[in-house]
Structure formats: structure tokens, C-alpha cells
C-alpha atoms as a PDB file:
ATOM      1  CA  UNK A   1       8.735  49.208 -37.153  1.00  0.00           C
ATOM      2  CA  UNK A   2      10.779  52.166 -38.442  1.00  0.00           C
ATOM      3  CA  UNK A   3      13.268  49.751 -39.945  1.00  0.00           C
ATOM      4  CA  UNK A   4      10.470  47.841 -41.683  1.00  0.00           C
ATOM      5  CA  UNK A   5       8.895  50.987 -43.109  1.00  0.00           C
ATOM      6  CA  UNK A   6      12.249  52.201 -44.324  1.00  0.00           C
ATOM      7  CA  UNK A   7      12.895  48.870 -46.014  1.00  0.00           C
ATOM      8  CA  UNK A   8       9.549  48.988 -47.781  1.00  0.00           C
ATOM      9  CA  UNK A   9       9.999  52.576 -48.870  1.00  0.00           C
ATOM     10  CA  UNK A  10      13.432  51.849 -50.330  1.00  0.00           C
ATOM     11  CA  UNK A  11      12.202  48.756 -52.167  1.00  0.00           C
ATOM     12  CA  UNK A  12       9.011  50.067 -53.749  1.00  0.00           C
ATOM     13  CA  UNK A  13      10.747  50.444 -57.081  1.00  0.00           C
ATOM     14  CA  UNK A  14      11.919  46.853 -56.847  1.00  0.00           C
ATOM     15  CA  UNK A  15       8.315  45.732 -56.460  1.00  0.00           C
ATOM     16  CA  UNK A  16       7.287  47.569 -59.611  1.00  0.00           C
ATOM     17  CA  UNK A  17      10.243  45.998 -61.359  1.00  0.00           C
ATOM     18  CA  UNK A  18       8.916  42.588 -60.294  1.00  0.00           C
ATOM     19  CA  UNK A  19       5.623  43.421 -61.919  1.00  0.00           C
ATOM     20  CA  UNK A  20       6.873  44.461 -65.302  1.00  0.00           C
ATOM     21  CA  UNK A  21       7.077  41.018 -66.861  1.00  0.00           C
ATOM     22  CA  UNK A  22       4.703  39.067 -64.744  1.00  0.00           C
ATOM     23  CA  UNK A  23       5.851  37.385 -63.091  1.00  0.00           C
ATOM     24  CA  UNK A  24       8.900  39.513 -62.783  1.00  0.00           C
ATOM     25  CA  UNK A  25      12.526  38.970 -62.337  1.00  0.00           C
ATOM     26  CA  UNK A  26      13.070  40.975 -59.155  1.00  0.00           C
ATOM     27  CA  UNK A  27      11.785  40.323 -55.635  1.00  0.00           C
ATOM     28  CA  UNK A  28       8.528  41.828 -54.441  1.00  0.00           C
ATOM     29  CA  UNK A  29       7.665  43.536 -51.155  1.00  0.00           C
ATOM     30  CA  UNK A  30       6.409  40.312 -49.607  1.00  0.00           C
ATOM     31  CA  UNK A  31       9.746  38.588 -50.121  1.00  0.00           C
ATOM     32  CA  UNK A  32      11.622  41.588 -48.763  1.00  0.00           C
ATOM     33  CA  UNK A  33       9.409  41.675 -45.671  1.00  0.00           C
ATOM     34  CA  UNK A  34      10.365  38.088 -44.897  1.00  0.00           C
ATOM     35  CA  UNK A  35      13.958  39.074 -44.212  1.00  0.00           C
ATOM     36  CA  UNK A  36      13.014  41.483 -41.396  1.00  0.00           C
ATOM     37  CA  UNK A  37      13.082  40.504 -37.739  1.00  0.00           C
ATOM     38  CA  UNK A  38       9.666  42.147 -37.252  1.00  0.00           C
ATOM     39  CA  UNK A  39       7.982  39.904 -39.826  1.00  0.00           C
ATOM     40  CA  UNK A  40       9.711  36.786 -38.544  1.00  0.00           C
ATOM     41  CA  UNK A  41       8.823  37.569 -34.945  1.00  0.00           C
ATOM     42  CA  UNK A  42       5.127  37.735 -35.886  1.00  0.00           C
ATOM     43  CA  UNK A  43       5.155  34.087 -36.980  1.00  0.00           C
ATOM     44  CA  UNK A  44       5.381  31.305 -34.436  1.00  0.00           C
ATOM     45  CA  UNK A  45       6.644  27.893 -35.502  1.00  0.00           C
ATOM     46  CA  UNK A  46       3.938  25.537 -36.819  1.00  0.00           C
ATOM     47  CA  UNK A  47       2.516  22.978 -34.453  1.00  0.00           C
ATOM     48  CA  UNK A  48       3.650  19.418 -35.314  1.00  0.00           C
ATOM     49  CA  UNK A  49       1.548  17.522 -37.873  1.00  0.00           C
ATOM     50  CA  UNK A  50       2.122  14.549 -40.155  1.00  0.00           C
ATOM     51  CA  UNK A  51      -0.223  14.080 -43.078  1.00  0.00           C
ATOM     52  CA  UNK A  52      -1.324  10.730 -44.473  1.00  0.00           C
ATOM     53  CA  UNK A  53      -3.406  10.968 -47.632  1.00  0.00           C
ATOM     54  CA  UNK A  54      -6.783   9.263 -47.713  1.00  0.00           C
ATOM     55  CA  UNK A  55      -7.554  10.188 -51.336  1.00  0.00           C
ATOM     56  CA  UNK A  56      -4.463   9.086 -53.221  1.00  0.00           C
ATOM     57  CA  UNK A  57      -2.485  12.301 -53.075  1.00  0.00           C
ATOM     58  CA  UNK A  58       1.128  11.862 -54.157  1.00  0.00           C
ATOM     59  CA  UNK A  59       4.220  13.856 -55.013  1.00  0.00           C
ATOM     60  CA  UNK A  60       5.030  14.220 -58.714  1.00  0.00           C
ATOM     61  CA  UNK A  61       7.711  15.888 -60.808  1.00  0.00           C
ATOM     62  CA  UNK A  62       7.387  18.040 -63.918  1.00  0.00           C
ATOM     63  CA  UNK A  63       9.768  19.848 -66.219  1.00  0.00           C
ATOM     64  CA  UNK A  64      10.276  23.604 -66.041  1.00  0.00           C
ATOM     65  CA  UNK A  65      11.302  25.903 -68.900  1.00  0.00           C
ATOM     66  CA  UNK A  66      14.650  26.680 -67.250  1.00  0.00           C
ATOM     67  CA  UNK A  67      15.780  23.111 -67.890  1.00  0.00           C
ATOM     68  CA  UNK A  68      15.155  21.845 -64.352  1.00  0.00           C
ATOM     69  CA  UNK A  69      12.509  19.757 -62.592  1.00  0.00           C
ATOM     70  CA  UNK A  70       9.924  20.869 -60.056  1.00  0.00           C
ATOM     71  CA  UNK A  71       7.681  19.103 -57.540  1.00  0.00           C
ATOM     72  CA  UNK A  72       4.007  19.179 -56.656  1.00  0.00           C
ATOM     73  CA  UNK A  73       1.481  17.297 -54.586  1.00  0.00           C
ATOM     74  CA  UNK A  74      -1.173  15.979 -56.981  1.00  0.00           C
ATOM     75  CA  UNK A  75      -4.627  14.713 -56.113  1.00  0.00           C
ATOM     76  CA  UNK A  76      -6.252  13.431 -59.306  1.00  0.00           C
ATOM     77  CA  UNK A  77      -9.976  13.648 -59.857  1.00  0.00           C
ATOM     78  CA  UNK A  78     -11.796  10.344 -59.513  1.00  0.00           C
ATOM     79  CA  UNK A  79     -13.278  11.048 -62.938  1.00  0.00           C
ATOM     80  CA  UNK A  80     -11.217  12.350 -65.883  1.00  0.00           C
ATOM     81  CA  UNK A  81     -11.310  16.144 -65.662  1.00  0.00           C
ATOM     82  CA  UNK A  82      -9.607  19.139 -67.263  1.00  0.00           C
ATOM     83  CA  UNK A  83     -10.371  21.284 -64.201  1.00  0.00           C
ATOM     84  CA  UNK A  84      -7.510  22.137 -61.863  1.00  0.00           C
ATOM     85  CA  UNK A  85      -7.012  23.986 -58.617  1.00  0.00           C
ATOM     86  CA  UNK A  86      -3.454  25.270 -58.193  1.00  0.00           C
ATOM     87  CA  UNK A  87      -2.582  25.570 -54.492  1.00  0.00           C
ATOM     88  CA  UNK A  88       0.238  27.882 -53.377  1.00  0.00           C
ATOM     89  CA  UNK A  89       2.052  27.404 -50.084  1.00  0.00           C
ATOM     90  CA  UNK A  90       2.699  29.818 -47.216  1.00  0.00           C
ATOM     91  CA  UNK A  91       6.251  30.906 -46.481  1.00  0.00           C
ATOM     92  CA  UNK A  92       6.931  27.609 -44.661  1.00  0.00           C
ATOM     93  CA  UNK A  93       6.932  25.661 -47.913  1.00  0.00           C
ATOM     94  CA  UNK A  94       4.881  22.737 -49.201  1.00  0.00           C
ATOM     95  CA  UNK A  95       4.448  21.138 -45.789  1.00  0.00           C
ATOM     96  CA  UNK A  96       1.917  18.605 -44.530  1.00  0.00           C
ATOM     97  CA  UNK A  97      -0.587  21.314 -43.608  1.00  0.00           C
ATOM     98  CA  UNK A  98      -0.748  22.447 -47.230  1.00  0.00           C
ATOM     99  CA  UNK A  99      -1.231  18.845 -48.348  1.00  0.00           C
ATOM    100  CA  UNK A 100      -4.040  18.435 -45.824  1.00  0.00           C
ATOM    101  CA  UNK A 101      -5.763  21.638 -46.927  1.00  0.00           C
ATOM    102  CA  UNK A 102      -5.392  20.592 -50.559  1.00  0.00           C
ATOM    103  CA  UNK A 103      -7.346  17.452 -49.726  1.00  0.00           C
ATOM    104  CA  UNK A 104     -10.038  19.516 -48.019  1.00  0.00           C
ATOM    105  CA  UNK A 105     -10.491  21.509 -51.231  1.00  0.00           C
ATOM    106  CA  UNK A 106     -10.446  18.297 -53.236  1.00  0.00           C
ATOM    107  CA  UNK A 107     -13.197  16.760 -51.142  1.00  0.00           C
ATOM    108  CA  UNK A 108     -15.449  19.791 -51.412  1.00  0.00           C
ATOM    109  CA  UNK A 109     -14.908  20.641 -55.083  1.00  0.00           C
ATOM    110  CA  UNK A 110     -15.612  17.196 -56.582  1.00  0.00           C
ATOM    111  CA  UNK A 111     -14.233  16.146 -59.983  1.00  0.00           C
ATOM    112  CA  UNK A 112     -11.403  18.681 -59.841  1.00  0.00           C
ATOM    113  CA  UNK A 113      -7.689  17.874 -59.918  1.00  0.00           C
ATOM    114  CA  UNK A 114      -5.752  19.614 -57.149  1.00  0.00           C
ATOM    115  CA  UNK A 115      -2.097  20.497 -57.655  1.00  0.00           C
ATOM    116  CA  UNK A 116      -0.198  21.938 -54.679  1.00  0.00           C
ATOM    117  CA  UNK A 117       2.965  23.353 -56.232  1.00  0.00           C
ATOM    118  CA  UNK A 118       6.293  23.251 -54.420  1.00  0.00           C
ATOM    119  CA  UNK A 119       7.809  26.712 -54.861  1.00  0.00           C
ATOM    120  CA  UNK A 120      10.910  25.975 -52.765  1.00  0.00           C
ATOM    121  CA  UNK A 121      12.162  22.906 -54.648  1.00  0.00           C
ATOM    122  CA  UNK A 122      11.766  20.532 -51.739  1.00  0.00           C
ATOM    123  CA  UNK A 123      12.810  22.832 -48.917  1.00  0.00           C
ATOM    124  CA  UNK A 124      10.510  23.184 -45.882  1.00  0.00           C
ATOM    125  CA  UNK A 125      10.978  25.391 -42.816  1.00  0.00           C
ATOM    126  CA  UNK A 126       9.710  24.939 -39.277  1.00  0.00           C
ATOM    127  CA  UNK A 127      11.485  27.951 -37.765  1.00  0.00           C
ATOM    128  CA  UNK A 128      10.524  31.557 -38.660  1.00  0.00           C
ATOM    129  CA  UNK A 129      14.132  32.536 -39.346  1.00  0.00           C
ATOM    130  CA  UNK A 130      14.547  29.654 -41.780  1.00  0.00           C
ATOM    131  CA  UNK A 131      11.200  30.415 -43.418  1.00  0.00           C
ATOM    132  CA  UNK A 132      12.260  34.029 -43.820  1.00  0.00           C
ATOM    133  CA  UNK A 133      15.480  32.929 -45.498  1.00  0.00           C
ATOM    134  CA  UNK A 134      13.610  30.646 -47.910  1.00  0.00           C
ATOM    135  CA  UNK A 135      10.994  33.232 -48.824  1.00  0.00           C
ATOM    136  CA  UNK A 136      13.342  36.200 -49.144  1.00  0.00           C
ATOM    137  CA  UNK A 137      15.882  34.072 -50.991  1.00  0.00           C
ATOM    138  CA  UNK A 138      13.484  32.606 -53.544  1.00  0.00           C
ATOM    139  CA  UNK A 139      14.591  33.521 -57.067  1.00  0.00           C
ATOM    140  CA  UNK A 140      11.722  35.242 -58.941  1.00  0.00           C
ATOM    141  CA  UNK A 141      12.910  33.732 -62.226  1.00  0.00           C
ATOM    142  CA  UNK A 142      12.702  30.274 -60.686  1.00  0.00           C
ATOM    143  CA  UNK A 143       9.260  30.989 -59.220  1.00  0.00           C
ATOM    144  CA  UNK A 144       8.033  31.975 -62.662  1.00  0.00           C
ATOM    145  CA  UNK A 145       9.606  28.905 -64.245  1.00  0.00           C
ATOM    146  CA  UNK A 146       7.880  26.619 -61.724  1.00  0.00           C
ATOM    147  CA  UNK A 147       4.472  28.165 -62.447  1.00  0.00           C
ATOM    148  CA  UNK A 148       5.046  27.889 -66.192  1.00  0.00           C
ATOM    149  CA  UNK A 149       6.152  24.291 -65.754  1.00  0.00           C
ATOM    150  CA  UNK A 150       2.945  23.505 -63.891  1.00  0.00           C
ATOM    151  CA  UNK A 151       0.942  25.098 -66.691  1.00  0.00           C
ATOM    152  CA  UNK A 152       2.730  22.955 -69.252  1.00  0.00           C
ATOM    153  CA  UNK A 153       2.124  19.865 -67.101  1.00  0.00           C
ATOM    154  CA  UNK A 154      -1.657  20.328 -66.986  1.00  0.00           C
ATOM    155  CA  UNK A 155      -1.862  21.294 -70.658  1.00  0.00           C
ATOM    156  CA  UNK A 156      -3.486  24.025 -72.684  1.00  0.00           C
ATOM    157  CA  UNK A 157      -7.005  22.617 -72.358  1.00  0.00           C
ATOM    158  CA  UNK A 158      -7.035  22.827 -68.563  1.00  0.00           C
ATOM    159  CA  UNK A 159      -9.320  25.262 -66.783  1.00  0.00           C
ATOM    160  CA  UNK A 160      -7.471  26.599 -63.761  1.00  0.00           C
ATOM    161  CA  UNK A 161      -8.374  28.322 -60.513  1.00  0.00           C
ATOM    162  CA  UNK A 162      -5.749  29.179 -57.915  1.00  0.00           C
ATOM    163  CA  UNK A 163      -5.565  29.727 -54.175  1.00  0.00           C
ATOM    164  CA  UNK A 164      -2.733  30.614 -51.817  1.00  0.00           C
ATOM    165  CA  UNK A 165      -1.887  32.054 -48.417  1.00  0.00           C
ATOM    166  CA  UNK A 166       0.678  34.685 -47.367  1.00  0.00           C
ATOM    167  CA  UNK A 167       3.545  34.353 -49.894  1.00  0.00           C
ATOM    168  CA  UNK A 168       1.259  32.005 -51.791  1.00  0.00           C
ATOM    169  CA  UNK A 169      -1.526  34.582 -51.854  1.00  0.00           C
ATOM    170  CA  UNK A 170       0.607  36.804 -54.041  1.00  0.00           C
ATOM    171  CA  UNK A 171       1.703  33.800 -56.096  1.00  0.00           C
ATOM    172  CA  UNK A 172      -1.931  32.863 -56.658  1.00  0.00           C
ATOM    173  CA  UNK A 173      -2.513  36.232 -58.314  1.00  0.00           C
ATOM    174  CA  UNK A 174       0.710  36.020 -60.334  1.00  0.00           C
ATOM    175  CA  UNK A 175      -0.309  32.526 -61.414  1.00  0.00           C
ATOM    176  CA  UNK A 176      -3.701  33.757 -62.585  1.00  0.00           C
ATOM    177  CA  UNK A 177      -1.991  36.370 -64.747  1.00  0.00           C
ATOM    178  CA  UNK A 178       0.341  33.769 -66.269  1.00  0.00           C
ATOM    179  CA  UNK A 179      -2.562  31.384 -66.861  1.00  0.00           C
ATOM    180  CA  UNK A 180      -4.093  33.754 -69.410  1.00  0.00           C
ATOM    181  CA  UNK A 181      -7.347  32.501 -70.889  1.00  0.00           C
ATOM    182  CA  UNK A 182      -7.073  29.277 -68.905  1.00  0.00           C
ATOM    183  CA  UNK A 183      -7.697  31.173 -65.668  1.00  0.00           C
ATOM    184  CA  UNK A 184     -11.230  30.888 -64.296  1.00  0.00           C
ATOM    185  CA  UNK A 185     -10.714  32.175 -60.741  1.00  0.00           C
ATOM    186  CA  UNK A 186      -8.196  33.359 -58.164  1.00  0.00           C
ATOM    187  CA  UNK A 187      -8.330  33.350 -54.360  1.00  0.00           C
ATOM    188  CA  UNK A 188      -5.637  35.139 -52.399  1.00  0.00           C
ATOM    189  CA  UNK A 189      -5.448  34.895 -48.623  1.00  0.00           C
ATOM    190  CA  UNK A 190      -3.520  37.846 -47.123  1.00  0.00           C
ATOM    191  CA  UNK A 191      -1.050  37.966 -49.999  1.00  0.00           C
ATOM    192  CA  UNK A 192       0.677  41.007 -51.487  1.00  0.00           C
ATOM    193  CA  UNK A 193      -1.374  42.310 -54.436  1.00  0.00           C
ATOM    194  CA  UNK A 194       0.086  43.043 -57.841  1.00  0.00           C
ATOM    195  CA  UNK A 195       0.659  46.798 -58.045  1.00  0.00           C
ATOM    196  CA  UNK A 196       1.224  47.180 -61.784  1.00  0.00           C
ATOM    197  CA  UNK A 197      -2.097  48.133 -63.366  1.00  0.00           C
ATOM    198  CA  UNK A 198      -0.831  47.118 -66.801  1.00  0.00           C
ATOM    199  CA  UNK A 199      -0.299  43.585 -65.511  1.00  0.00           C
ATOM    200  CA  UNK A 200      -3.706  43.542 -63.852  1.00  0.00           C
ATOM    201  CA  UNK A 201      -5.240  44.456 -67.206  1.00  0.00           C
ATOM    202  CA  UNK A 202      -4.056  41.105 -68.567  1.00  0.00           C
ATOM    203  CA  UNK A 203      -6.082  39.119 -66.026  1.00  0.00           C
ATOM    204  CA  UNK A 204      -8.759  36.949 -67.602  1.00  0.00           C
ATOM    205  CA  UNK A 205     -10.628  36.175 -64.377  1.00  0.00           C
ATOM    206  CA  UNK A 206     -11.917  37.960 -61.310  1.00  0.00           C
ATOM    207  CA  UNK A 207     -10.294  37.767 -57.879  1.00  0.00           C
ATOM    208  CA  UNK A 208     -11.445  37.007 -54.339  1.00  0.00           C
ATOM    209  CA  UNK A 209      -9.195  38.646 -51.733  1.00  0.00           C
ATOM    210  CA  UNK A 210      -9.368  37.491 -48.103  1.00  0.00           C
ATOM    211  CA  UNK A 211      -7.289  39.780 -45.910  1.00  0.00           C
ATOM    212  CA  UNK A 212      -6.340  40.210 -42.252  1.00  0.00           C
ATOM    213  CA  UNK A 213      -7.483  43.612 -41.031  1.00  0.00           C
ATOM    214  CA  UNK A 214      -5.186  43.650 -38.009  1.00  0.00           C
ATOM    215  CA  UNK A 215      -1.909  43.069 -39.817  1.00  0.00           C
ATOM    216  CA  UNK A 216       0.603  45.821 -40.516  1.00  0.00           C
ATOM    217  CA  UNK A 217       2.289  44.440 -43.634  1.00  0.00           C
ATOM    218  CA  UNK A 218      -0.531  44.031 -46.116  1.00  0.00           C
ATOM    219  CA  UNK A 219      -2.357  46.916 -44.541  1.00  0.00           C
ATOM    220  CA  UNK A 220      -5.932  48.103 -45.154  1.00  0.00           C
ATOM    221  CA  UNK A 221      -4.392  50.935 -47.213  1.00  0.00           C
ATOM    222  CA  UNK A 222      -2.633  48.435 -49.490  1.00  0.00           C
ATOM    223  CA  UNK A 223      -5.851  46.443 -49.861  1.00  0.00           C
ATOM    224  CA  UNK A 224      -7.821  49.601 -50.686  1.00  0.00           C
ATOM    225  CA  UNK A 225      -5.240  50.549 -53.320  1.00  0.00           C
ATOM    226  CA  UNK A 226      -5.530  47.076 -54.823  1.00  0.00           C
ATOM    227  CA  UNK A 227      -9.283  47.569 -55.185  1.00  0.00           C
ATOM    228  CA  UNK A 228      -8.667  50.910 -56.914  1.00  0.00           C
ATOM    229  CA  UNK A 229      -6.043  49.402 -59.194  1.00  0.00           C
ATOM    230  CA  UNK A 230      -8.347  46.565 -60.199  1.00  0.00           C
ATOM    231  CA  UNK A 231     -11.084  49.076 -60.996  1.00  0.00           C
ATOM    232  CA  UNK A 232      -8.642  51.103 -63.089  1.00  0.00           C
ATOM    233  CA  UNK A 233      -7.647  47.909 -64.898  1.00  0.00           C
ATOM    234  CA  UNK A 234     -11.316  47.151 -65.576  1.00  0.00           C
ATOM    235  CA  UNK A 235     -11.203  43.953 -63.530  1.00  0.00           C
ATOM    236  CA  UNK A 236     -13.480  42.612 -60.827  1.00  0.00           C
ATOM    237  CA  UNK A 237     -12.325  41.930 -57.270  1.00  0.00           C
ATOM    238  CA  UNK A 238     -14.284  41.089 -54.150  1.00  0.00           C
ATOM    239  CA  UNK A 239     -12.510  41.819 -50.885  1.00  0.00           C
ATOM    240  CA  UNK A 240     -13.269  40.677 -47.345  1.00  0.00           C
ATOM    241  CA  UNK A 241     -11.083  41.915 -44.495  1.00  0.00           C
ATOM    242  CA  UNK A 242     -11.367  40.000 -41.227  1.00  0.00           C
ATOM    243  CA  UNK A 243     -10.795  41.321 -37.738  1.00  0.00           C
ATOM    244  CA  UNK A 244      -7.848  38.979 -37.403  1.00  0.00           C
ATOM    245  CA  UNK A 245      -4.072  38.707 -37.558  1.00  0.00           C
ATOM    246  CA  UNK A 246      -1.923  37.633 -40.501  1.00  0.00           C
ATOM    247  CA  UNK A 247      -2.067  33.859 -41.133  1.00  0.00           C
ATOM    248  CA  UNK A 248      -5.386  33.620 -39.272  1.00  0.00           C
ATOM    249  CA  UNK A 249      -6.507  30.717 -41.485  1.00  0.00           C
ATOM    250  CA  UNK A 250      -3.511  28.483 -40.801  1.00  0.00           C
ATOM    251  CA  UNK A 251      -4.332  25.789 -38.229  1.00  0.00           C
ATOM    252  CA  UNK A 252      -0.591  25.291 -37.632  1.00  0.00           C
ATOM    253  CA  UNK A 253      -0.402  28.880 -36.415  1.00  0.00           C
ATOM    254  CA  UNK A 254      -0.800  29.116 -32.611  1.00  0.00           C
ATOM    255  CA  UNK A 255      -2.796  32.326 -33.309  1.00  0.00           C
ATOM    256  CA  UNK A 256      -5.212  30.461 -35.578  1.00  0.00           C
ATOM    257  CA  UNK A 257      -8.633  32.174 -35.641  1.00  0.00           C
ATOM    258  CA  UNK A 258     -11.184  29.424 -36.147  1.00  0.00           C
ATOM    259  CA  UNK A 259     -14.198  31.692 -36.653  1.00  0.00           C
ATOM    260  CA  UNK A 260     -12.502  33.898 -39.240  1.00  0.00           C
ATOM    261  CA  UNK A 261     -10.962  30.858 -40.923  1.00  0.00           C
ATOM    262  CA  UNK A 262     -14.287  29.102 -41.293  1.00  0.00           C
ATOM    263  CA  UNK A 263     -15.965  32.182 -42.749  1.00  0.00           C
ATOM    264  CA  UNK A 264     -13.069  32.750 -45.142  1.00  0.00           C
ATOM    265  CA  UNK A 265     -13.135  29.131 -46.279  1.00  0.00           C
ATOM    266  CA  UNK A 266     -16.884  29.313 -46.851  1.00  0.00           C
ATOM    267  CA  UNK A 267     -16.353  32.309 -49.126  1.00  0.00           C
ATOM    268  CA  UNK A 268     -13.431  30.648 -50.894  1.00  0.00           C
ATOM    269  CA  UNK A 269     -15.061  27.291 -51.533  1.00  0.00           C
ATOM    270  CA  UNK A 270     -18.320  28.883 -52.710  1.00  0.00           C
ATOM    271  CA  UNK A 271     -16.339  31.017 -55.135  1.00  0.00           C
ATOM    272  CA  UNK A 272     -14.237  28.100 -56.385  1.00  0.00           C
ATOM    273  CA  UNK A 273     -17.221  25.806 -56.843  1.00  0.00           C
ATOM    274  CA  UNK A 274     -18.861  28.454 -59.007  1.00  0.00           C
ATOM    275  CA  UNK A 275     -15.733  28.990 -61.103  1.00  0.00           C
ATOM    276  CA  UNK A 276     -14.979  25.285 -61.546  1.00  0.00           C
ATOM    277  CA  UNK A 277     -18.536  24.023 -62.044  1.00  0.00           C
END
């Protein structure tokens, strides 16, 4: 624990550096946490699962502004629609659980395109140590390029909401900032909040934050500061902290909390339906 706190204290300035040009060119606290043994030890390997789409979900490629290609799992609306839900993975990567959950959102939202964006360029981890290496090693410039590539793929007329868990919770918020006026909503499950008030001021939508009250990394103090920062920025945020551990909503997590997960999903889907109606 002392080692973790020391790491966070020494890297606070790096986090603010990440914020300066949303979405930043230095690593944030969440990425730095992933490299610690304490954080890795708190995550058990996902239970096995193989996903088979029943709604036509498929992997696609799109160009990114750094001259490369990126991947995503796309579920197209049955009817032509300019509404999109961007889904951001946990630290494991764009695995079959994320694809399954994307289809759950798709089924409940109706007439909304769902795009689960691969932030690791095809890499997926099943071991906490490997996941930690992927998350801590992710290049912030590449992460930003992937988000911008996804925005270019859906086009300037798209209305976008975002959702993500853990690493993806923070990415969901960063995505909403990058989306500008196209952003209509943002859900972040136990993700690291943006700490730069000037960046929060550029948000064009409100935020729903679903946090784990028992976790030590994104602590109640960090969540409370996020609420204060959003108020200072003149933005709206609704926060719900559950009496649960980090990653409580992930069914691949052996510590999955069904009751908390169901309540959190009810809040999330109600919010998203309202924003994407």
C-alpha cells in the first residue's frame, strides 16, 4: 500500500500533464496504477467465455489520424440512425465480455449503433500481469488517435454517448470531451476522473458516474473531488457509489456483485435511453 501511495504521489503531476490537451500525451494515474503488484493482485483472471453474436455484430477497421488503422466491434442499428454509443473496454482489452455487453446495450437502446472501440490494437489479456502491462504501456497519443479515428468514422452528424469500465471509464470521459458538441451523454463505471477543471469546462454533456465505494484506487475522496471539480467547471454530474469492490459490474470477475451490477445497469440504461432518444 505504501508503495502504491508513493507511486501516486510522485505521478500526480504526470496526471495533470495528461489532462492539458485532452486527451493528453502523458499517462494518467489509472495507467500508472496498473503497473503495481497491488492493483494486479486485486484482479482475478476472467472466467472463460466465447461470444457469438446474435445481432450481426462484427469487427471493422477505421483510419486514425496518426496514419494507422484501428479496430472496433460494430453493431449497426436495424434502421438507419445517426445515434451512436461508444463502448470502452476494461483493462483486459476488447474481449468477448465487452462484445456481449455491447449487445445488451444494443438490445435495450433500440435504433442506436453501438461501437466497442479496441484501444489495444488487437491485444487481449487473460492474466492480471499481462493486463497491467497492456494498460500501463498504452501510449496516450495512440489512445487519442484511436478515439479521433472513431469520431471520423461515425461522421460529424453523429450524436454520441459513451460508456466504459475501469480504464474504459476514464476513456469514456476523455471521449466525451473530444466529442465536443456531438456528445450527448457519458457513463463512467469506476474510472479515473479528469482532474483538470479547464478540460472539464469543455464538456458539452453531463456525466453519470458509477463508482465502487470499497475500492482504494478511485477512492471516495477522489470521487468527491470530481464532483467539486465538475461544479467548479459549471458542469452536471450525478454520482452513485455502491457498497462494492472495483470491477463489481464485470460478470467475468469472480467477485462480480450481481445486485450492485443490476442497479448500476438500470441507472446507466435509463440515462442512455434519455440521452439517445
